[in-house]
Structures are given as structure tokens and as C-alpha cells.
């Protein structure tokens, strides 16, 4: 079982807190909130005596919007991400389909699918897997791919993996156990964070209203090899590490019933 912590709570110059990461815990970084030299420095300080064993890269989601027809620089941005990910042997790159979008939904979905195909073709040069994250919130009118459309998107892009953001799915009222079962081996990783079903709060697991025991049972049953990435916001490192250890113990108890 691979477990990682997102640097979402430590963006900026607060990366020194990540020196406290235990060797057993991986790291996912939002690459666009720095640059190549910045992240080189950060990773060398976090891992002064070894290379990170479970590193993943979150692709650009603010400066890039695959749904925007006027976004002509997405390949340039992703080229830099792929080069950095390859140098540091990242496990995968997380791709957002969109943030906001305008226009006819069907046409916008076609545009996103075409651009994802470009990225997948590009990724072959670096041998790094792309994971497509479910994004957009129905509460904000930004949901371009509902569950059925997200699954159809994955079926048209068989080389891509799935990253299930549990918080997004919960807000959008997806049936999480059913989603996990249908994704099966396509589910390579999950972003774990909690909320109360209304806003994307990125709370520590257990601080919202998601039924985590049911969710962990579904993961253990249908996608036991999925990497679990804790994507918390506005927490300090000790709060994050304590939460992860508690949830890890709970998860292992659930998993023991499947082994």
C-alpha cells in the first residue's frame, strides 16, 4: 500500500515542514506553484540522502485549462512538467480536465478529449502515466464531466489511468462504492480529503460527512493497489501526519478482512 501527502498545505516557502515526512510516506507536489529550479531545491532539501520513492506530480490546474479554446500554451506547460517528472522518476502525473468552462458542453468535452489525447501521446516520450482526475463541482456550475461522462472519457482513453478525488465526487453526489467498483484496476490513485457535501474544503479525513469505512471497503475490494494521496488544505505538518497515521491504521484494519 502506497500512501502520500500532497503539498497543498505547504505551498510557497513553507516546504521546510515537509522535511518531517517519514520515509514510508510519499509526496505529491503542485508543480505549477514553483518552477524547475525551485522544486529541485525543495526535493533536495526534503530528501538530502536519498531519492523520493513515491513521488507524483500534480499538473497545472490554474495556469492551464484544457476546456478553454483560447488556452494555446497547455502543451508548453506540460512539457516542463513531464521533463521534471521524468528526471525525478515520478509515478504519475495528475491532469485536470478543466476548472471553469463556457460554451456548449458537448463541444467543450470534445475539445478536452482531444487535448488529453495529445498529452497521452506526448507522455510516451517520458514513459510516465497520466491520471485523469474528476474535477468540477455541480454546486458551482463547473462540472463538465458527470460520473457517466467521466467513465465514458476514460473508456475512450484506455492508456490513461483514473484518479478519484473523493471530495469532489462526494459533493457531486456520486455513489462512491459503485464508482470505485466500476473503475476497478483503472483506479490508480485517490485524493483523500473530507467535506460536508457543499464546498471543496479539503478537510482532514473524518472531519466531514463522508463515510470512510464504506469507501475504504470499496477500495480494498476493487482497487487494493491504488495509491492514497492525502490532499489536505490549511493544516500543519503534525496535524497532517497524525491524521494520516490514524487513517492508515483504520484502513489496514479494513483491508485485513480482505486479505
Protein backbone atom coordinates (compact mmCIF):
# COMPACT_ATOMS: atom_id res chain seq x y z
CA UNK A 1 0.00 0.00 0.00
CA UNK A 2 1.37 3.38 -1.07
CA UNK A 3 0.41 6.50 0.89
CA UNK A 4 1.36 10.06 0.01
CA UNK A 5 0.84 13.58 1.28
CA UNK A 6 0.03 16.42 -1.10
CA UNK A 7 1.95 19.64 -0.57
CA UNK A 8 -1.31 21.62 -0.89
CA UNK A 9 -0.98 22.93 2.69
CA UNK A 10 2.68 23.79 2.25
CA UNK A 11 2.76 25.77 -0.99
CA UNK A 12 5.16 28.69 -1.13
CA UNK A 13 8.24 28.75 1.07
CA UNK A 14 6.74 26.52 3.75
CA UNK A 15 8.28 23.38 2.27
CA UNK A 16 10.75 23.01 5.18
CA UNK A 17 7.91 21.41 7.16
CA UNK A 18 8.00 18.54 4.68
CA UNK A 19 11.43 17.54 5.97
CA UNK A 20 9.47 15.76 8.70
CA UNK A 21 7.96 13.28 6.25
CA UNK A 22 8.75 9.70 7.31
CA UNK A 23 10.48 7.50 4.75
CA UNK A 24 7.30 5.44 4.35
CA UNK A 25 5.25 8.43 3.17
CA UNK A 26 5.32 9.63 -0.42
CA UNK A 27 4.82 13.17 -1.70
CA UNK A 28 2.68 14.79 -4.38
CA UNK A 29 3.62 18.30 -5.47
CA UNK A 30 1.69 21.00 -7.30
CA UNK A 31 4.40 21.72 -9.84
CA UNK A 32 2.94 24.97 -11.21
CA UNK A 33 3.41 26.76 -7.87
CA UNK A 34 7.14 26.77 -8.46
CA UNK A 35 9.49 26.06 -11.34
CA UNK A 36 12.17 23.52 -12.20
CA UNK A 37 14.90 25.11 -10.09
CA UNK A 38 12.52 25.72 -7.18
CA UNK A 39 11.41 22.10 -7.00
CA UNK A 40 14.97 20.85 -7.47
CA UNK A 41 15.92 22.78 -4.35
CA UNK A 42 12.84 21.66 -2.44
CA UNK A 43 13.26 17.95 -3.17
CA UNK A 44 16.96 18.01 -2.41
CA UNK A 45 16.23 19.59 0.97
CA UNK A 46 13.40 17.16 1.79
CA UNK A 47 15.41 14.16 0.61
CA UNK A 48 19.08 15.06 1.25
CA UNK A 49 20.28 11.45 1.46
CA UNK A 50 18.00 9.55 -0.88
CA UNK A 51 15.65 9.92 -3.82
CA UNK A 52 11.91 10.09 -3.18
CA UNK A 53 10.45 6.61 -3.57
CA UNK A 54 6.83 7.55 -4.15
CA UNK A 55 6.68 10.93 -5.87
CA UNK A 56 3.79 12.11 -8.01
CA UNK A 57 3.24 15.41 -9.79
CA UNK A 58 0.03 17.39 -9.91
CA UNK A 59 -0.17 19.01 -13.32
CA UNK A 60 -1.09 22.66 -13.85
CA UNK A 61 -4.69 23.41 -12.92
CA UNK A 62 -4.66 27.20 -12.51
CA UNK A 63 -2.46 28.33 -15.39
CA UNK A 64 -3.84 25.66 -17.73
CA UNK A 65 -7.46 24.96 -18.61
CA UNK A 66 -7.93 22.23 -21.22
CA UNK A 67 -11.54 23.33 -21.71
CA UNK A 68 -10.60 26.86 -22.77
CA UNK A 69 -10.30 27.18 -26.56
CA UNK A 70 -8.04 30.21 -26.04
CA UNK A 71 -5.55 28.22 -23.97
CA UNK A 72 -2.85 27.63 -26.56
CA UNK A 73 0.06 27.06 -24.17
CA UNK A 74 -1.02 23.86 -22.40
CA UNK A 75 1.49 21.65 -24.23
CA UNK A 76 4.35 24.01 -23.39
CA UNK A 77 3.44 23.93 -19.72
CA UNK A 78 3.06 20.17 -19.67
CA UNK A 79 6.37 19.63 -21.46
CA UNK A 80 8.14 21.22 -18.48
CA UNK A 81 6.10 19.07 -16.08
CA UNK A 82 6.95 15.87 -17.95
CA UNK A 83 10.65 16.69 -18.07
CA UNK A 84 10.75 17.32 -14.34
CA UNK A 85 8.67 14.22 -13.55
CA UNK A 86 10.92 12.02 -15.67
CA UNK A 87 14.09 13.34 -14.02
CA UNK A 88 12.71 12.52 -10.57
CA UNK A 89 11.11 9.19 -11.55
CA UNK A 90 7.61 10.29 -10.63
CA UNK A 91 4.99 7.55 -10.50
CA UNK A 92 2.34 9.52 -12.36
CA UNK A 93 1.12 12.97 -13.37
CA UNK A 94 -2.34 14.17 -12.35
CA UNK A 95 -4.29 16.00 -15.06
CA UNK A 96 -7.34 18.23 -14.57
CA UNK A 97 -9.82 18.30 -17.43
CA UNK A 98 -10.99 21.82 -16.59
CA UNK A 99 -11.64 24.40 -13.97
CA UNK A 100 -14.27 26.74 -15.35
CA UNK A 101 -15.72 26.35 -18.84
CA UNK A 102 -18.03 28.20 -21.20
CA UNK A 103 -19.96 27.19 -24.30
CA UNK A 104 -21.71 24.05 -25.44
CA UNK A 105 -20.85 21.21 -23.06
CA UNK A 106 -20.62 18.55 -25.76
CA UNK A 107 -18.22 20.62 -27.85
CA UNK A 108 -16.12 21.52 -24.82
CA UNK A 109 -15.89 17.85 -23.80
CA UNK A 110 -14.69 17.01 -27.32
CA UNK A 111 -12.01 19.69 -27.04
CA UNK A 112 -10.84 18.32 -23.69
CA UNK A 113 -10.78 14.76 -25.00
CA UNK A 114 -8.67 15.82 -28.00
CA UNK A 115 -6.20 17.65 -25.77
CA UNK A 116 -5.95 14.70 -23.40
CA UNK A 117 -5.13 12.50 -26.39
CA UNK A 118 -2.33 14.94 -27.23
CA UNK A 119 -0.98 14.71 -23.70
CA UNK A 120 -1.15 10.92 -23.72
CA UNK A 121 0.79 10.81 -26.98
CA UNK A 122 3.29 13.26 -25.51
CA UNK A 123 3.64 11.15 -22.35
CA UNK A 124 5.00 8.20 -24.34
CA UNK A 125 8.26 10.11 -24.76
CA UNK A 126 8.72 10.06 -20.99
CA UNK A 127 7.09 6.74 -20.01
CA UNK A 128 5.07 8.37 -17.24
CA UNK A 129 1.44 7.52 -16.69
CA UNK A 130 -1.25 10.19 -16.88
CA UNK A 131 -4.11 10.01 -14.40
CA UNK A 132 -7.29 11.94 -15.19
CA UNK A 133 -8.87 13.46 -12.10
CA UNK A 134 -12.60 14.05 -11.68
CA UNK A 135 -12.96 17.79 -11.23
CA UNK A 136 -15.64 20.45 -11.30
CA UNK A 137 -18.46 20.97 -8.81
CA UNK A 138 -22.15 20.96 -9.57
CA UNK A 139 -22.62 23.46 -6.74
CA UNK A 140 -20.50 25.97 -8.70
CA UNK A 141 -21.66 25.07 -12.20
CA UNK A 142 -18.18 23.87 -13.19
CA UNK A 143 -18.97 20.15 -13.60
CA UNK A 144 -18.13 19.35 -17.23
CA UNK A 145 -17.97 15.55 -16.84
CA UNK A 146 -20.54 13.92 -14.57
CA UNK A 147 -19.96 10.33 -13.49
CA UNK A 148 -21.29 8.75 -16.68
CA UNK A 149 -19.37 11.17 -18.87
CA UNK A 150 -16.18 10.76 -16.81
CA UNK A 151 -16.38 6.99 -17.23
CA UNK A 152 -17.02 7.38 -20.97
CA UNK A 153 -14.00 9.67 -21.20
CA UNK A 154 -11.81 7.02 -19.60
CA UNK A 155 -13.16 4.37 -21.96
CA UNK A 156 -12.16 6.48 -24.96
CA UNK A 157 -8.66 6.96 -23.48
CA UNK A 158 -7.58 3.43 -22.50
CA UNK A 159 -3.96 4.46 -21.87
CA UNK A 160 -4.95 6.87 -19.12
CA UNK A 161 -5.50 5.91 -15.52
CA UNK A 162 -8.12 7.32 -13.18
CA UNK A 163 -7.55 9.43 -10.11
CA UNK A 164 -10.66 9.62 -7.97
CA UNK A 165 -10.90 12.81 -5.94
CA UNK A 166 -13.19 11.61 -3.18
CA UNK A 167 -14.13 15.10 -2.00
CA UNK A 168 -15.19 16.23 -5.48
CA UNK A 169 -17.16 13.04 -6.07
CA UNK A 170 -18.95 13.38 -2.73
CA UNK A 171 -20.05 16.95 -3.44
CA UNK A 172 -21.30 15.83 -6.86
CA UNK A 173 -23.30 13.04 -5.19
CA UNK A 174 -21.53 10.19 -6.91
CA UNK A 175 -22.14 6.73 -5.45
CA UNK A 176 -18.58 6.21 -4.25
CA UNK A 177 -18.60 2.41 -3.73
CA UNK A 178 -20.19 1.93 -7.17
CA UNK A 179 -17.72 4.34 -8.77
CA UNK A 180 -14.75 2.51 -7.26
CA UNK A 181 -16.14 -0.87 -8.30
CA UNK A 182 -16.67 0.25 -11.89
CA UNK A 183 -13.24 1.87 -12.15
CA UNK A 184 -11.56 -1.23 -10.77
CA UNK A 185 -7.96 -1.53 -11.94
CA UNK A 186 -8.21 1.75 -13.83
CA UNK A 187 -8.22 3.45 -10.42
CA UNK A 188 -4.52 4.15 -9.85
CA UNK A 189 -4.82 6.73 -7.07
CA UNK A 190 -7.26 8.62 -4.87
CA UNK A 191 -7.16 12.11 -3.43
CA UNK A 192 -8.45 11.78 0.12
CA UNK A 193 -9.98 14.74 1.94
CA UNK A 194 -13.29 15.43 3.64
CA UNK A 195 -16.14 17.92 3.40
CA UNK A 196 -19.82 18.32 4.26
CA UNK A 197 -21.13 17.88 0.74
CA UNK A 198 -21.38 21.57 -0.13
CA UNK A 199 -17.91 23.03 -0.68
CA UNK A 200 -14.45 21.71 -1.51
CA UNK A 201 -13.00 22.20 1.97
CA UNK A 202 -10.11 19.68 1.83
CA UNK A 203 -10.60 18.83 5.49
CA UNK A 204 -8.72 16.01 7.21
CA UNK A 205 -10.41 12.64 6.85
CA UNK A 206 -13.13 12.27 9.48
CA UNK A 207 -13.81 15.99 9.82
CA UNK A 208 -16.67 15.95 7.32
CA UNK A 209 -19.53 13.63 6.49
CA UNK A 210 -18.01 11.13 4.05
CA UNK A 211 -18.47 7.50 5.14
CA UNK A 212 -14.84 6.45 5.11
CA UNK A 213 -15.31 2.87 6.29
CA UNK A 214 -17.59 2.18 3.34
CA UNK A 215 -15.16 3.90 0.98
CA UNK A 216 -12.13 2.02 2.28
CA UNK A 217 -14.01 -1.26 1.97
CA UNK A 218 -14.71 -0.47 -1.67
CA UNK A 219 -11.04 0.37 -2.33
CA UNK A 220 -9.85 -2.81 -0.64
CA UNK A 221 -12.33 -4.85 -2.65
CA UNK A 222 -11.96 -3.29 -6.11
CA UNK A 223 -8.70 -1.28 -6.23
CA UNK A 224 -6.38 -2.52 -3.46
CA UNK A 225 -3.24 -1.27 -5.25
CA UNK A 226 -4.44 2.33 -5.54
CA UNK A 227 -2.15 4.98 -4.09
CA UNK A 228 -3.82 7.03 -1.36
CA UNK A 229 -2.86 10.71 -1.55
CA UNK A 230 -3.97 12.83 1.42
CA UNK A 231 -4.78 16.22 -0.08
CA UNK A 232 -5.44 18.44 2.92
CA UNK A 233 -5.57 22.23 2.98
CA UNK A 234 -4.80 24.63 5.83
CA UNK A 235 -3.25 22.10 8.20
CA UNK A 236 0.18 22.00 9.80
CA UNK A 237 2.52 19.09 9.28
CA UNK A 238 1.88 17.46 12.65
CA UNK A 239 -1.89 17.55 12.15
CA UNK A 240 -1.45 16.00 8.73
CA UNK A 241 0.91 13.26 9.91
CA UNK A 242 -1.25 12.38 12.93
CA UNK A 243 -4.34 12.17 10.74
CA UNK A 244 -2.59 10.00 8.17
CA UNK A 245 -1.31 7.57 10.80
CA UNK A 246 -4.78 7.22 12.34
CA UNK A 247 -6.45 6.69 8.97
CA UNK A 248 -3.72 4.30 7.87
CA UNK A 249 -4.37 2.13 10.93
CA UNK A 250 -8.11 2.19 10.26
CA UNK A 251 -7.56 1.37 6.60
CA UNK A 252 -5.30 -1.55 7.44
CA UNK A 253 -7.96 -2.97 9.76
CA UNK A 254 -10.47 -2.83 6.94
CA UNK A 255 -8.01 -4.31 4.49
CA UNK A 256 -7.20 -7.21 6.82
CA UNK A 257 -10.71 -8.50 6.28
CA UNK A 258 -9.96 -8.83 2.54
CA UNK A 259 -6.52 -10.48 2.78
